[in-house]
Protein backbone atom coordinates (compact mmCIF):
# COMPACT_ATOMS: atom_id res chain seq x y z
CA UNK A 1 0.00 0.00 0.00
CA UNK A 2 1.31 3.41 -0.90
CA UNK A 3 1.77 5.77 2.05
CA UNK A 4 1.66 9.56 1.88
CA UNK A 5 2.31 11.85 4.83
CA UNK A 6 0.45 15.01 5.86
CA UNK A 7 3.64 16.37 7.44
CA UNK A 8 7.23 15.21 7.16
CA UNK A 9 7.56 15.51 10.96
CA UNK A 10 4.99 12.73 11.44
CA UNK A 11 6.92 10.49 9.06
CA UNK A 12 10.24 11.27 10.75
CA UNK A 13 8.85 10.65 14.26
CA UNK A 14 7.06 7.43 13.35
CA UNK A 15 10.03 5.93 11.53
CA UNK A 16 12.27 6.87 14.47
CA UNK A 17 9.92 5.11 16.91
CA UNK A 18 9.76 2.07 14.61
CA UNK A 19 13.52 1.58 14.99
CA UNK A 20 13.18 0.91 18.72
CA UNK A 21 9.59 -0.39 18.97
CA UNK A 22 8.71 -3.80 17.52
CA UNK A 23 4.95 -3.14 17.51
CA UNK A 24 5.24 0.07 15.50
CA UNK A 25 7.80 -1.51 13.15
CA UNK A 26 5.42 -4.44 12.55
CA UNK A 27 2.51 -2.07 11.93
CA UNK A 28 4.44 -0.05 9.36
CA UNK A 29 5.49 -3.26 7.61
CA UNK A 30 1.84 -4.43 7.58
CA UNK A 31 0.72 -1.16 5.98
CA UNK A 32 3.46 -1.24 3.35
CA UNK A 33 2.72 -4.84 2.36
CA UNK A 34 -1.10 -4.51 2.37
CA UNK A 35 -2.86 -4.72 -0.99
CA UNK A 36 -5.83 -2.69 0.27
CA UNK A 37 -7.79 -1.65 3.38
CA UNK A 38 -9.17 -5.18 3.87
CA UNK A 39 -5.67 -6.48 4.66
CA UNK A 40 -5.41 -4.03 7.57
CA UNK A 41 -8.66 -5.01 9.32
CA UNK A 42 -7.16 -7.98 11.15
CA UNK A 43 -6.14 -7.18 14.74
CA UNK A 44 -2.61 -8.38 14.00
CA UNK A 45 -2.37 -5.85 11.14
CA UNK A 46 -3.76 -2.82 12.95
CA UNK A 47 -7.52 -3.32 13.20
CA UNK A 48 -8.21 -0.61 10.61
CA UNK A 49 -11.68 0.85 11.00
CA UNK A 50 -13.67 3.83 9.76
CA UNK A 51 -14.25 6.72 12.14
CA UNK A 52 -17.22 8.93 12.95
CA UNK A 53 -17.78 12.43 14.33
CA UNK A 54 -15.02 14.93 13.68
CA UNK A 55 -13.03 12.17 11.98
CA UNK A 56 -15.86 11.08 9.64
CA UNK A 57 -14.57 9.97 6.25
CA UNK A 58 -11.23 8.90 7.75
CA UNK A 59 -10.04 5.66 9.30
CA UNK A 60 -7.62 4.69 12.03
CA UNK A 61 -5.00 1.99 12.43
CA UNK A 62 -4.01 0.91 15.93
CA UNK A 63 -0.41 1.45 16.98
CA UNK A 64 0.01 0.71 20.69
CA UNK A 65 -1.19 1.85 24.11
CA UNK A 66 -4.23 3.67 22.69
CA UNK A 67 -2.30 5.51 20.00
CA UNK A 68 -3.65 5.35 16.46
CA UNK A 69 -2.75 6.57 13.02
CA UNK A 70 -5.49 8.77 11.57
CA UNK A 71 -5.55 8.17 7.83
CA UNK A 72 -7.26 9.54 4.77
CA UNK A 73 -8.30 6.88 2.23
CA UNK A 74 -6.64 7.18 -1.19
CA UNK A 75 -6.55 5.10 -4.35
CA UNK A 76 -6.73 5.41 -8.12
CA UNK A 77 -10.19 3.84 -8.21
CA UNK A 78 -11.50 5.00 -4.83
CA UNK A 79 -15.28 4.50 -4.62
CA UNK A 80 -17.77 5.77 -2.05
CA UNK A 81 -20.89 3.86 -1.10
CA UNK A 82 -24.27 5.45 -0.44
CA UNK A 83 -23.61 5.53 3.33
CA UNK A 84 -20.65 7.82 2.70
CA UNK A 85 -18.06 5.16 3.53
CA UNK A 86 -15.54 3.98 0.99
CA UNK A 87 -15.54 0.53 -0.59
CA UNK A 88 -12.76 -1.12 1.39
CA UNK A 89 -11.18 -2.91 -1.55
CA UNK A 90 -10.78 0.38 -3.45
CA UNK A 91 -8.60 1.92 -0.71
CA UNK A 92 -5.16 1.05 -2.06
CA UNK A 93 -3.21 3.97 -0.61
CA UNK A 94 -3.46 6.23 2.40
CA UNK A 95 -2.29 9.55 3.75
CA UNK A 96 -1.26 9.56 7.41
CA UNK A 97 -2.66 12.76 8.87
CA UNK A 98 -1.74 12.42 12.54
CA UNK A 99 -0.89 10.17 15.44
CA UNK A 100 -3.79 10.39 17.87
CA UNK A 101 -4.90 9.19 21.25
CA UNK A 102 -8.45 10.40 20.52
CA UNK A 103 -10.15 7.99 22.94
CA UNK A 104 -8.07 9.17 25.91
CA UNK A 105 -10.16 11.01 28.48
PDB file of N, CA and C in Angstrom:
ATOM      1  N   UNK A   1       0.856  -1.171   0.000  1.00  0.00           N
ATOM      2  CA  UNK A   1       0.000   0.000   0.000  1.00  0.00           C
ATOM      3  C   UNK A   1       0.902   1.234   0.000  1.00  0.00           C
ATOM      4  N   UNK A   2       0.545   2.167  -0.827  1.00  0.00           N
ATOM      5  CA  UNK A   2       1.309   3.413  -0.904  1.00  0.00           C
ATOM      6  C   UNK A   2       0.956   4.297   0.294  1.00  0.00           C
ATOM      7  N   UNK A   3       1.971   4.906   0.884  1.00  0.00           N
ATOM      8  CA  UNK A   3       1.772   5.774   2.048  1.00  0.00           C
ATOM      9  C   UNK A   3       2.200   7.192   1.695  1.00  0.00           C
ATOM     10  N   UNK A   4       1.316   8.142   1.967  1.00  0.00           N
ATOM     11  CA  UNK A   4       1.660   9.560   1.881  1.00  0.00           C
ATOM     12  C   UNK A   4       1.606  10.117   3.299  1.00  0.00           C
ATOM     13  N   UNK A   5       2.228  11.245   3.501  1.00  0.00           N
ATOM     14  CA  UNK A   5       2.313  11.847   4.830  1.00  0.00           C
ATOM     15  C   UNK A   5       1.802  13.278   4.790  1.00  0.00           C
ATOM     16  N   UNK A   6       0.956  13.633   5.752  1.00  0.00           N
ATOM     17  CA  UNK A   6       0.454  15.009   5.863  1.00  0.00           C
ATOM     18  C   UNK A   6       1.612  15.968   6.141  1.00  0.00           C
ATOM     19  N   UNK A   7       2.494  15.542   7.043  1.00  0.00           N
ATOM     20  CA  UNK A   7       3.640  16.368   7.435  1.00  0.00           C
ATOM     21  C   UNK A   7       4.874  15.481   7.523  1.00  0.00           C
ATOM     22  N   UNK A   8       5.999  15.992   7.101  1.00  0.00           N
ATOM     23  CA  UNK A   8       7.233  15.208   7.157  1.00  0.00           C
ATOM     24  C   UNK A   8       7.638  14.908   8.600  1.00  0.00           C
ATOM     25  N   UNK A   9       7.243  15.742   9.551  1.00  0.00           N
ATOM     26  CA  UNK A   9       7.563  15.507  10.964  1.00  0.00           C
ATOM     27  C   UNK A   9       6.905  14.227  11.467  1.00  0.00           C
ATOM     28  N   UNK A  10       5.675  13.964  11.034  1.00  0.00           N
ATOM     29  CA  UNK A  10       4.987  12.732  11.437  1.00  0.00           C
ATOM     30  C   UNK A  10       5.763  11.528  10.908  1.00  0.00           C
ATOM     31  N   UNK A  11       6.161  11.583   9.656  1.00  0.00           N
ATOM     32  CA  UNK A  11       6.925  10.492   9.056  1.00  0.00           C
ATOM     33  C   UNK A  11       8.236  10.277   9.811  1.00  0.00           C
ATOM     34  N   UNK A  12       8.950  11.348  10.063  1.00  0.00           N
ATOM     35  CA  UNK A  12      10.240  11.269  10.755  1.00  0.00           C
ATOM     36  C   UNK A  12      10.071  10.664  12.148  1.00  0.00           C
ATOM     37  N   UNK A  13       9.088  11.147  12.908  1.00  0.00           N
ATOM     38  CA  UNK A  13       8.855  10.646  14.264  1.00  0.00           C
ATOM     39  C   UNK A  13       8.464   9.172  14.259  1.00  0.00           C
ATOM     40  N   UNK A  14       7.540   8.798  13.377  1.00  0.00           N
ATOM     41  CA  UNK A  14       7.055   7.426  13.349  1.00  0.00           C
ATOM     42  C   UNK A  14       8.156   6.453  12.944  1.00  0.00           C
ATOM     43  N   UNK A  15       8.938   6.807  11.957  1.00  0.00           N
ATOM     44  CA  UNK A  15      10.026   5.934  11.530  1.00  0.00           C
ATOM     45  C   UNK A  15      11.115   5.840  12.595  1.00  0.00           C
ATOM     46  N   UNK A  16      11.315   6.906  13.353  1.00  0.00           N
ATOM     47  CA  UNK A  16      12.270   6.875  14.465  1.00  0.00           C
ATOM     48  C   UNK A  16      11.783   5.911  15.547  1.00  0.00           C
ATOM     49  N   UNK A  17      10.488   6.004  15.905  1.00  0.00           N
ATOM     50  CA  UNK A  17       9.920   5.105  16.909  1.00  0.00           C
ATOM     51  C   UNK A  17       9.973   3.657  16.440  1.00  0.00           C
ATOM     52  N   UNK A  18       9.776   3.431  15.152  1.00  0.00           N
ATOM     53  CA  UNK A  18       9.764   2.068  14.611  1.00  0.00           C
ATOM     54  C   UNK A  18      11.120   1.384  14.774  1.00  0.00           C
ATOM     55  N   UNK A  19      12.191   2.162  14.825  1.00  0.00           N
ATOM     56  CA  UNK A  19      13.522   1.579  14.989  1.00  0.00           C
ATOM     57  C   UNK A  19      13.703   0.930  16.354  1.00  0.00           C
ATOM     58  N   UNK A  20      13.002   1.434  17.364  1.00  0.00           N
ATOM     59  CA  UNK A  20      13.179   0.909  18.719  1.00  0.00           C
ATOM     60  C   UNK A  20      11.915   0.258  19.283  1.00  0.00           C
ATOM     61  N   UNK A  21      10.858   0.160  18.487  1.00  0.00           N
ATOM     62  CA  UNK A  21       9.594  -0.387  18.972  1.00  0.00           C
ATOM     63  C   UNK A  21       9.091  -1.424  17.977  1.00  0.00           C
ATOM     64  N   UNK A  22       9.094  -2.696  18.413  1.00  0.00           N
ATOM     65  CA  UNK A  22       8.711  -3.796  17.516  1.00  0.00           C
ATOM     66  C   UNK A  22       7.278  -3.688  17.023  1.00  0.00           C
ATOM     67  N   UNK A  23       6.359  -3.234  17.890  1.00  0.00           N
ATOM     68  CA  UNK A  23       4.946  -3.140  17.511  1.00  0.00           C
ATOM     69  C   UNK A  23       4.767  -2.123  16.381  1.00  0.00           C
ATOM     70  N   UNK A  24       5.371  -0.966  16.527  1.00  0.00           N
ATOM     71  CA  UNK A  24       5.244   0.073  15.500  1.00  0.00           C
ATOM     72  C   UNK A  24       5.944  -0.367  14.211  1.00  0.00           C
ATOM     73  N   UNK A  25       7.095  -1.011  14.337  1.00  0.00           N
ATOM     74  CA  UNK A  25       7.800  -1.510  13.149  1.00  0.00           C
ATOM     75  C   UNK A  25       6.938  -2.529  12.408  1.00  0.00           C
ATOM     76  N   UNK A  26       6.304  -3.427  13.150  1.00  0.00           N
ATOM     77  CA  UNK A  26       5.420  -4.437  12.547  1.00  0.00           C
ATOM     78  C   UNK A  26       4.224  -3.775  11.866  1.00  0.00           C
ATOM     79  N   UNK A  27       3.671  -2.766  12.501  1.00  0.00           N
ATOM     80  CA  UNK A  27       2.515  -2.073  11.932  1.00  0.00           C
ATOM     81  C   UNK A  27       2.875  -1.389  10.621  1.00  0.00           C
ATOM     82  N   UNK A  28       4.015  -0.726  10.586  1.00  0.00           N
ATOM     83  CA  UNK A  28       4.440  -0.051   9.362  1.00  0.00           C
ATOM     84  C   UNK A  28       4.690  -1.068   8.244  1.00  0.00           C
ATOM     85  N   UNK A  29       5.265  -2.203   8.600  1.00  0.00           N
ATOM     86  CA  UNK A  29       5.495  -3.257   7.610  1.00  0.00           C
ATOM     87  C   UNK A  29       4.166  -3.804   7.093  1.00  0.00           C
ATOM     88  N   UNK A  30       3.179  -3.955   7.989  1.00  0.00           N
ATOM     89  CA  UNK A  30       1.844  -4.427   7.584  1.00  0.00           C
ATOM     90  C   UNK A  30       1.199  -3.465   6.596  1.00  0.00           C
ATOM     91  N   UNK A  31       1.315  -2.169   6.869  1.00  0.00           N
ATOM     92  CA  UNK A  31       0.722  -1.162   5.977  1.00  0.00           C
ATOM     93  C   UNK A  31       1.402  -1.207   4.611  1.00  0.00           C
ATOM     94  N   UNK A  32       2.719  -1.252   4.609  1.00  0.00           N
ATOM     95  CA  UNK A  32       3.458  -1.243   3.345  1.00  0.00           C
ATOM     96  C   UNK A  32       3.159  -2.469   2.489  1.00  0.00           C
ATOM     97  N   UNK A  33       2.943  -3.618   3.125  1.00  0.00           N
ATOM     98  CA  UNK A  33       2.715  -4.845   2.357  1.00  0.00           C
ATOM     99  C   UNK A  33       1.237  -5.108   2.054  1.00  0.00           C
ATOM    100  N   UNK A  34       0.333  -4.311   2.611  1.00  0.00           N
ATOM    101  CA  UNK A  34      -1.103  -4.509   2.374  1.00  0.00           C
ATOM    102  C   UNK A  34      -1.458  -4.181   0.925  1.00  0.00           C
ATOM    103  N   UNK A  35      -2.356  -4.988   0.365  1.00  0.00           N
ATOM    104  CA  UNK A  35      -2.858  -4.720  -0.988  1.00  0.00           C
ATOM    105  C   UNK A  35      -3.918  -3.627  -0.941  1.00  0.00           C
ATOM    106  N   UNK A  36      -4.764  -3.683   0.098  1.00  0.00           N
ATOM    107  CA  UNK A  36      -5.827  -2.688   0.266  1.00  0.00           C
ATOM    108  C   UNK A  36      -6.271  -2.657   1.728  1.00  0.00           C
ATOM    109  N   UNK A  37      -7.273  -1.844   2.022  1.00  0.00           N
ATOM    110  CA  UNK A  37      -7.790  -1.649   3.378  1.00  0.00           C
ATOM    111  C   UNK A  37      -8.145  -2.971   4.053  1.00  0.00           C
ATOM    112  N   UNK A  38      -8.724  -3.901   3.301  1.00  0.00           N
ATOM    113  CA  UNK A  38      -9.172  -5.179   3.867  1.00  0.00           C
ATOM    114  C   UNK A  38      -8.034  -5.914   4.573  1.00  0.00           C
ATOM    115  N   UNK A  39      -6.827  -5.818   4.047  1.00  0.00           N
ATOM    116  CA  UNK A  39      -5.669  -6.484   4.656  1.00  0.00           C
ATOM    117  C   UNK A  39      -5.307  -5.898   6.015  1.00  0.00           C
ATOM    118  N   UNK A  40      -5.760  -4.695   6.309  1.00  0.00           N
ATOM    119  CA  UNK A  40      -5.408  -4.027   7.568  1.00  0.00           C
ATOM    120  C   UNK A  40      -6.479  -4.178   8.650  1.00  0.00           C
ATOM    121  N   UNK A  41      -7.584  -4.867   8.342  1.00  0.00           N
ATOM    122  CA  UNK A  41      -8.662  -5.005   9.317  1.00  0.00           C
ATOM    123  C   UNK A  41      -8.363  -6.023  10.411  1.00  0.00           C
ATOM    124  N   UNK A  42      -7.506  -6.981  10.140  1.00  0.00           N
ATOM    125  CA  UNK A  42      -7.165  -7.980  11.151  1.00  0.00           C
ATOM    126  C   UNK A  42      -6.492  -7.311  12.347  1.00  0.00           C
ATOM    127  N   UNK A  43      -6.795  -7.773  13.566  1.00  0.00           N
ATOM    128  CA  UNK A  43      -6.145  -7.183  14.744  1.00  0.00           C
ATOM    129  C   UNK A  43      -4.614  -7.215  14.659  1.00  0.00           C
ATOM    130  N   UNK A  44      -4.065  -8.280  14.096  1.00  0.00           N
ATOM    131  CA  UNK A  44      -2.606  -8.384  13.997  1.00  0.00           C
ATOM    132  C   UNK A  44      -2.008  -7.394  12.993  1.00  0.00           C
ATOM    133  N   UNK A  45      -2.850  -6.822  12.138  1.00  0.00           N
ATOM    134  CA  UNK A  45      -2.372  -5.853  11.144  1.00  0.00           C
ATOM    135  C   UNK A  45      -2.809  -4.427  11.432  1.00  0.00           C
ATOM    136  N   UNK A  46      -3.429  -4.188  12.579  1.00  0.00           N
ATOM    137  CA  UNK A  46      -3.756  -2.818  12.954  1.00  0.00           C
ATOM    138  C   UNK A  46      -5.214  -2.511  13.182  1.00  0.00           C
ATOM    139  N   UNK A  47      -6.088  -3.498  12.931  1.00  0.00           N
ATOM    140  CA  UNK A  47      -7.523  -3.323  13.199  1.00  0.00           C
ATOM    141  C   UNK A  47      -8.051  -2.025  12.583  1.00  0.00           C
ATOM    142  N   UNK A  48      -7.752  -1.821  11.308  1.00  0.00           N
ATOM    143  CA  UNK A  48      -8.209  -0.608  10.615  1.00  0.00           C
ATOM    144  C   UNK A  48      -9.726  -0.528  10.658  1.00  0.00           C
ATOM    145  N   UNK A  49     -10.230   0.653  10.953  1.00  0.00           N
ATOM    146  CA  UNK A  49     -11.684   0.848  11.003  1.00  0.00           C
ATOM    147  C   UNK A  49     -12.020   2.306  10.709  1.00  0.00           C
ATOM    148  N   UNK A  50     -13.200   2.484  10.101  1.00  0.00           N
ATOM    149  CA  UNK A  50     -13.669   3.826   9.765  1.00  0.00           C
ATOM    150  C   UNK A  50     -14.072   4.575  11.030  1.00  0.00           C
ATOM    151  N   UNK A  51     -13.958   5.873  10.992  1.00  0.00           N
ATOM    152  CA  UNK A  51     -14.246   6.719  12.145  1.00  0.00           C
ATOM    153  C   UNK A  51     -15.505   7.543  11.915  1.00  0.00           C
ATOM    154  N   UNK A  52     -16.013   8.103  12.998  1.00  0.00           N
ATOM    155  CA  UNK A  52     -17.216   8.934  12.951  1.00  0.00           C
ATOM    156  C   UNK A  52     -16.914  10.281  13.601  1.00  0.00           C
ATOM    157  N   UNK A  53     -17.926  11.134  13.663  1.00  0.00           N
ATOM    158  CA  UNK A  53     -17.778  12.433  14.329  1.00  0.00           C
ATOM    159  C   UNK A  53     -16.823  13.335  13.585  1.00  0.00           C
ATOM    160  N   UNK A  54     -15.933  13.975  14.330  1.00  0.00           N
ATOM    161  CA  UNK A  54     -15.019  14.929  13.684  1.00  0.00           C
ATOM    162  C   UNK A  54     -14.030  14.247  12.737  1.00  0.00           C
ATOM    163  N   UNK A  55     -13.913  12.932  12.848  1.00  0.00           N
ATOM    164  CA  UNK A  55     -13.031  12.166  11.977  1.00  0.00           C
ATOM    165  C   UNK A  55     -13.795  11.415  10.885  1.00  0.00           C
ATOM    166  N   UNK A  56     -15.048  11.761  10.657  1.00  0.00           N
ATOM    167  CA  UNK A  56     -15.864  11.082   9.641  1.00  0.00           C
ATOM    168  C   UNK A  56     -15.178  11.155   8.276  1.00  0.00           C
ATOM    169  N   UNK A  57     -15.207  10.047   7.558  1.00  0.00           N
ATOM    170  CA  UNK A  57     -14.567   9.970   6.250  1.00  0.00           C
ATOM    171  C   UNK A  57     -13.126   9.497   6.322  1.00  0.00           C
ATOM    172  N   UNK A  58     -12.595   9.365   7.536  1.00  0.00           N
ATOM    173  CA  UNK A  58     -11.229   8.905   7.749  1.00  0.00           C
ATOM    174  C   UNK A  58     -11.270   7.532   8.409  1.00  0.00           C
ATOM    175  N   UNK A  59     -10.111   6.910   8.557  1.00  0.00           N
ATOM    176  CA  UNK A  59     -10.035   5.658   9.305  1.00  0.00           C
ATOM    177  C   UNK A  59      -8.797   5.676  10.180  1.00  0.00           C
ATOM    178  N   UNK A  60      -8.785   4.763  11.155  1.00  0.00           N
ATOM    179  CA  UNK A  60      -7.617   4.694  12.026  1.00  0.00           C
ATOM    180  C   UNK A  60      -7.023   3.297  11.990  1.00  0.00           C
ATOM    181  N   UNK A  61      -5.743   3.240  12.308  1.00  0.00           N
ATOM    182  CA  UNK A  61      -5.002   1.991  12.427  1.00  0.00           C
ATOM    183  C   UNK A  61      -4.341   2.018  13.794  1.00  0.00           C
ATOM    184  N   UNK A  62      -4.571   0.974  14.585  1.00  0.00           N
ATOM    185  CA  UNK A  62      -4.007   0.907  15.929  1.00  0.00           C
ATOM    186  C   UNK A  62      -2.485   0.827  15.884  1.00  0.00           C
ATOM    187  N   UNK A  63      -1.847   1.562  16.787  1.00  0.00           N
ATOM    188  CA  UNK A  63      -0.409   1.446  16.978  1.00  0.00           C
ATOM    189  C   UNK A  63      -0.161   0.661  18.260  1.00  0.00           C
ATOM    190  N   UNK A  64      -0.175   1.351  19.390  1.00  0.00           N
ATOM    191  CA  UNK A  64       0.011   0.710  20.695  1.00  0.00           C
ATOM    192  C   UNK A  64      -0.454   1.651  21.794  1.00  0.00           C
ATOM    193  N   UNK A  65      -0.815   1.085  22.916  1.00  0.00           N
ATOM    194  CA  UNK A  65      -1.191   1.851  24.113  1.00  0.00           C
ATOM    195  C   UNK A  65      -2.169   2.983  23.812  1.00  0.00           C
ATOM    196  N   UNK A  66      -3.196   2.690  22.989  1.00  0.00           N
ATOM    197  CA  UNK A  66      -4.226   3.674  22.688  1.00  0.00           C
ATOM    198  C   UNK A  66      -3.899   4.639  21.568  1.00  0.00           C
ATOM    199  N   UNK A  67      -2.673   4.610  21.097  1.00  0.00           N
ATOM    200  CA  UNK A  67      -2.302   5.509  20.001  1.00  0.00           C
ATOM    201  C   UNK A  67      -2.723   4.898  18.666  1.00  0.00           C
ATOM    202  N   UNK A  68      -3.175   5.783  17.764  1.00  0.00           N
ATOM    203  CA  UNK A  68      -3.654   5.350  16.461  1.00  0.00           C
ATOM    204  C   UNK A  68      -3.172   6.307  15.376  1.00  0.00           C
ATOM    205  N   UNK A  69      -3.016   5.749  14.190  1.00  0.00           N
ATOM    206  CA  UNK A  69      -2.751   6.573  13.017  1.00  0.00           C
ATOM    207  C   UNK A  69      -4.095   6.994  12.443  1.00  0.00           C
ATOM    208  N   UNK A  70      -4.289   8.266  12.229  1.00  0.00           N
ATOM    209  CA  UNK A  70      -5.492   8.765  11.571  1.00  0.00           C
ATOM    210  C   UNK A  70      -5.131   8.929  10.096  1.00  0.00           C
ATOM    211  N   UNK A  71      -5.903   8.252   9.243  1.00  0.00           N
ATOM    212  CA  UNK A  71      -5.555   8.167   7.829  1.00  0.00           C
ATOM    213  C   UNK A  71      -6.693   8.596   6.920  1.00  0.00           C
ATOM    214  N   UNK A  72      -6.319   9.181   5.824  1.00  0.00           N
ATOM    215  CA  UNK A  72      -7.264   9.542   4.765  1.00  0.00           C
ATOM    216  C   UNK A  72      -7.178   8.464   3.691  1.00  0.00           C
ATOM    217  N   UNK A  73      -8.319   7.896   3.287  1.00  0.00           N
ATOM    218  CA  UNK A  73      -8.299   6.885   2.226  1.00  0.00           C
ATOM    219  C   UNK A  73      -7.894   7.493   0.882  1.00  0.00           C
ATOM    220  N   UNK A  74      -7.057   6.768   0.146  1.00  0.00           N
ATOM    221  CA  UNK A  74      -6.642   7.176  -1.193  1.00  0.00           C
ATOM    222  C   UNK A  74      -6.659   5.950  -2.106  1.00  0.00           C
ATOM    223  N   UNK A  75      -6.608   6.185  -3.377  1.00  0.00           N
ATOM    224  CA  UNK A  75      -6.546   5.096  -4.354  1.00  0.00           C
ATOM    225  C   UNK A  75      -6.960   5.597  -5.718  1.00  0.00           C
ATOM    226  N   UNK A  76      -6.418   4.986  -6.751  1.00  0.00           N
ATOM    227  CA  UNK A  76      -6.732   5.407  -8.119  1.00  0.00           C
ATOM    228  C   UNK A  76      -8.192   5.179  -8.479  1.00  0.00           C
ATOM    229  N   UNK A  77      -8.806   4.170  -7.895  1.00  0.00           N
ATOM    230  CA  UNK A  77     -10.195   3.843  -8.209  1.00  0.00           C
ATOM    231  C   UNK A  77     -11.069   3.914  -6.960  1.00  0.00           C
ATOM    232  N   UNK A  78     -10.774   4.846  -6.091  1.00  0.00           N
ATOM    233  CA  UNK A  78     -11.498   5.004  -4.833  1.00  0.00           C
ATOM    234  C   UNK A  78     -12.987   5.221  -5.097  1.00  0.00           C
ATOM    235  N   UNK A  79     -13.825   4.414  -4.427  1.00  0.00           N
ATOM    236  CA  UNK A  79     -15.276   4.503  -4.617  1.00  0.00           C
ATOM    237  C   UNK A  79     -15.972   4.667  -3.281  1.00  0.00           C
ATOM    238  N   UNK A  80     -16.940   5.579  -3.250  1.00  0.00           N
ATOM    239  CA  UNK A  80     -17.767   5.771  -2.053  1.00  0.00           C
ATOM    240  C   UNK A  80     -19.072   5.012  -2.217  1.00  0.00           C
ATOM    241  N   UNK A  81     -19.581   4.503  -1.102  1.00  0.00           N
ATOM    242  CA  UNK A  81     -20.886   3.858  -1.099  1.00  0.00           C
ATOM    243  C   UNK A  81     -21.927   4.892  -0.697  1.00  0.00           C
ATOM    244  N   UNK A  82     -23.183   4.522  -0.766  1.00  0.00           N
ATOM    245  CA  UNK A  82     -24.267   5.448  -0.437  1.00  0.00           C
ATOM    246  C   UNK A  82     -24.179   5.963   0.997  1.00  0.00           C
ATOM    247  N   UNK A  83     -23.698   5.136   1.914  1.00  0.00           N
ATOM    248  CA  UNK A  83     -23.609   5.529   3.326  1.00  0.00           C
ATOM    249  C   UNK A  83     -22.500   6.543   3.574  1.00  0.00           C
ATOM    250  N   UNK A  84     -21.732   6.858   2.543  1.00  0.00           N
ATOM    251  CA  UNK A  84     -20.648   7.819   2.695  1.00  0.00           C
ATOM    252  C   UNK A  84     -19.309   7.174   2.994  1.00  0.00           C
ATOM    253  N   UNK A  85     -19.311   5.870   3.303  1.00  0.00           N
ATOM    254  CA  UNK A  85     -18.062   5.155   3.534  1.00  0.00           C
ATOM    255  C   UNK A  85     -17.478   4.717   2.199  1.00  0.00           C
ATOM    256  N   UNK A  86     -16.208   4.428   2.207  1.00  0.00           N
ATOM    257  CA  UNK A  86     -15.544   3.982   0.991  1.00  0.00           C
ATOM    258  C   UNK A  86     -15.628   2.468   0.872  1.00  0.00           C
ATOM    259  N   UNK A  87     -15.650   1.969  -0.365  1.00  0.00           N
ATOM    260  CA  UNK A  87     -15.540   0.532  -0.592  1.00  0.00           C
ATOM    261  C   UNK A  87     -14.131   0.141  -0.168  1.00  0.00           C
ATOM    262  N   UNK A  88     -14.053  -0.779   0.780  1.00  0.00           N
ATOM    263  CA  UNK A  88     -12.762  -1.116   1.387  1.00  0.00           C
ATOM    264  C   UNK A  88     -11.716  -1.569   0.373  1.00  0.00           C
ATOM    265  N   UNK A  89     -12.156  -2.375  -0.589  1.00  0.00           N
ATOM    266  CA  UNK A  89     -11.184  -2.911  -1.547  1.00  0.00           C
ATOM    267  C   UNK A  89     -10.655  -1.859  -2.520  1.00  0.00           C
ATOM    268  N   UNK A  90     -11.275  -0.681  -2.563  1.00  0.00           N
ATOM    269  CA  UNK A  90     -10.784   0.384  -3.453  1.00  0.00           C
ATOM    270  C   UNK A  90      -9.782   1.308  -2.762  1.00  0.00           C
ATOM    271  N   UNK A  91      -9.593   1.115  -1.451  1.00  0.00           N
ATOM    272  CA  UNK A  91      -8.605   1.916  -0.709  1.00  0.00           C
ATOM    273  C   UNK A  91      -7.259   1.214  -0.847  1.00  0.00           C
ATOM    274  N   UNK A  92      -6.443   1.684  -1.766  1.00  0.00           N
ATOM    275  CA  UNK A  92      -5.163   1.047  -2.061  1.00  0.00           C
ATOM    276  C   UNK A  92      -3.965   1.916  -1.676  1.00  0.00           C
ATOM    277  N   UNK A  93      -4.252   3.059  -1.089  1.00  0.00           N
ATOM    278  CA  UNK A  93      -3.209   3.971  -0.610  1.00  0.00           C
ATOM    279  C   UNK A  93      -3.812   4.786   0.528  1.00  0.00           C
ATOM    280  N   UNK A  94      -2.961   5.414   1.293  1.00  0.00           N
ATOM    281  CA  UNK A  94      -3.456   6.229   2.402  1.00  0.00           C
ATOM    282  C   UNK A  94      -2.531   7.397   2.655  1.00  0.00           C
ATOM    283  N   UNK A  95      -3.091   8.408   3.294  1.00  0.00           N
ATOM    284  CA  UNK A  95      -2.295   9.549   3.749  1.00  0.00           C
ATOM    285  C   UNK A  95      -2.405   9.570   5.265  1.00  0.00           C
ATOM    286  N   UNK A  96      -1.272   9.496   5.947  1.00  0.00           N
ATOM    287  CA  UNK A  96      -1.259   9.556   7.405  1.00  0.00           C
ATOM    288  C   UNK A  96      -1.326  11.026   7.806  1.00  0.00           C
ATOM    289  N   UNK A  97      -2.417  11.373   8.494  1.00  0.00           N
ATOM    290  CA  UNK A  97      -2.662  12.763   8.872  1.00  0.00           C
ATOM    291  C   UNK A  97      -2.099  13.103  10.243  1.00  0.00           C
ATOM    292  N   UNK A  98      -2.218  12.154  11.173  1.00  0.00           N
ATOM    293  CA  UNK A  98      -1.744  12.424  12.540  1.00  0.00           C
ATOM    294  C   UNK A  98      -1.633  11.139  13.333  1.00  0.00           C
ATOM    295  N   UNK A  99      -0.913  11.227  14.434  1.00  0.00           N
ATOM    296  CA  UNK A  99      -0.891  10.175  15.442  1.00  0.00           C
ATOM    297  C   UNK A  99      -1.775  10.684  16.560  1.00  0.00           C
ATOM    298  N   UNK A 100      -2.782   9.896  16.927  1.00  0.00           N
ATOM    299  CA  UNK A 100      -3.789  10.385  17.865  1.00  0.00           C
ATOM    300  C   UNK A 100      -4.000   9.416  19.015  1.00  0.00           C
ATOM    301  N   UNK A 101      -4.419   9.969  20.110  1.00  0.00           N
ATOM    302  CA  UNK A 101      -4.904   9.195  21.250  1.00  0.00           C
ATOM    303  C   UNK A 101      -6.311   9.725  21.521  1.00  0.00           C
ATOM    304  N   UNK A 102      -7.165   9.714  20.477  1.00  0.00           N
ATOM    305  CA  UNK A 102      -8.453  10.405  20.522  1.00  0.00           C
ATOM    306  C   UNK A 102      -9.485   9.775  21.446  1.00  0.00           C
ATOM    307  N   UNK A 103      -9.213   8.580  21.988  1.00  0.00           N
ATOM    308  CA  UNK A 103     -10.151   7.986  22.944  1.00  0.00           C
ATOM    309  C   UNK A 103      -9.744   8.278  24.385  1.00  0.00           C
ATOM    310  N   UNK A 104      -8.563   8.856  24.569  1.00  0.00           N
ATOM    311  CA  UNK A 104      -8.070   9.171  25.915  1.00  0.00           C
ATOM    312  C   UNK A 104      -8.951  10.244  26.539  1.00  0.00           C
ATOM    313  N   UNK A 105      -9.293  10.044  27.782  1.00  0.00           N
ATOM    314  CA  UNK A 105     -10.160  11.009  28.479  1.00  0.00           C
ATOM    315  C   UNK A 105      -9.364  11.864  29.418  1.00  0.00           C
TER     316      UNK A 105
END
